Amino acid sequence: MQGKIRHENNTSMYVQYSPN
């Protein structure tokens, strides 16, 4: 399970998890 943290200018930073 890998989690990627991406932060947008307008959108608050959200965590995206890749499907297994």
Protein backbone atom coordinates (compact mmCIF):
# COMPACT_ATOMS: atom_id res chain seq x y z
CA MET A 1 0.00 0.00 0.00
CA GLN A 2 1.54 3.28 -1.10
CA GLY A 3 0.24 6.74 -0.20
CA LYS A 4 0.95 9.86 -2.20
CA ILE A 5 0.58 13.32 -0.68
CA ARG A 6 -0.34 16.03 -3.19
CA HIS A 7 -1.08 19.64 -2.34
CA GLU A 8 -3.03 21.96 -4.65
CA ASN A 9 -3.10 25.74 -4.55
CA ASN A 10 -6.87 26.04 -4.08
CA THR A 11 -7.60 22.57 -2.75
CA SER A 12 -6.24 21.54 0.63
CA MET A 13 -3.59 18.83 0.62
CA TYR A 14 -5.17 15.41 0.28
CA VAL A 15 -3.75 11.90 0.50
CA GLN A 16 -4.21 9.60 -2.50
CA TYR A 17 -3.78 5.84 -2.01
CA SER A 18 -3.03 3.58 -4.96
CA PRO A 19 -5.28 0.54 -5.49
CA ASN A 20 -3.74 -2.78 -4.47
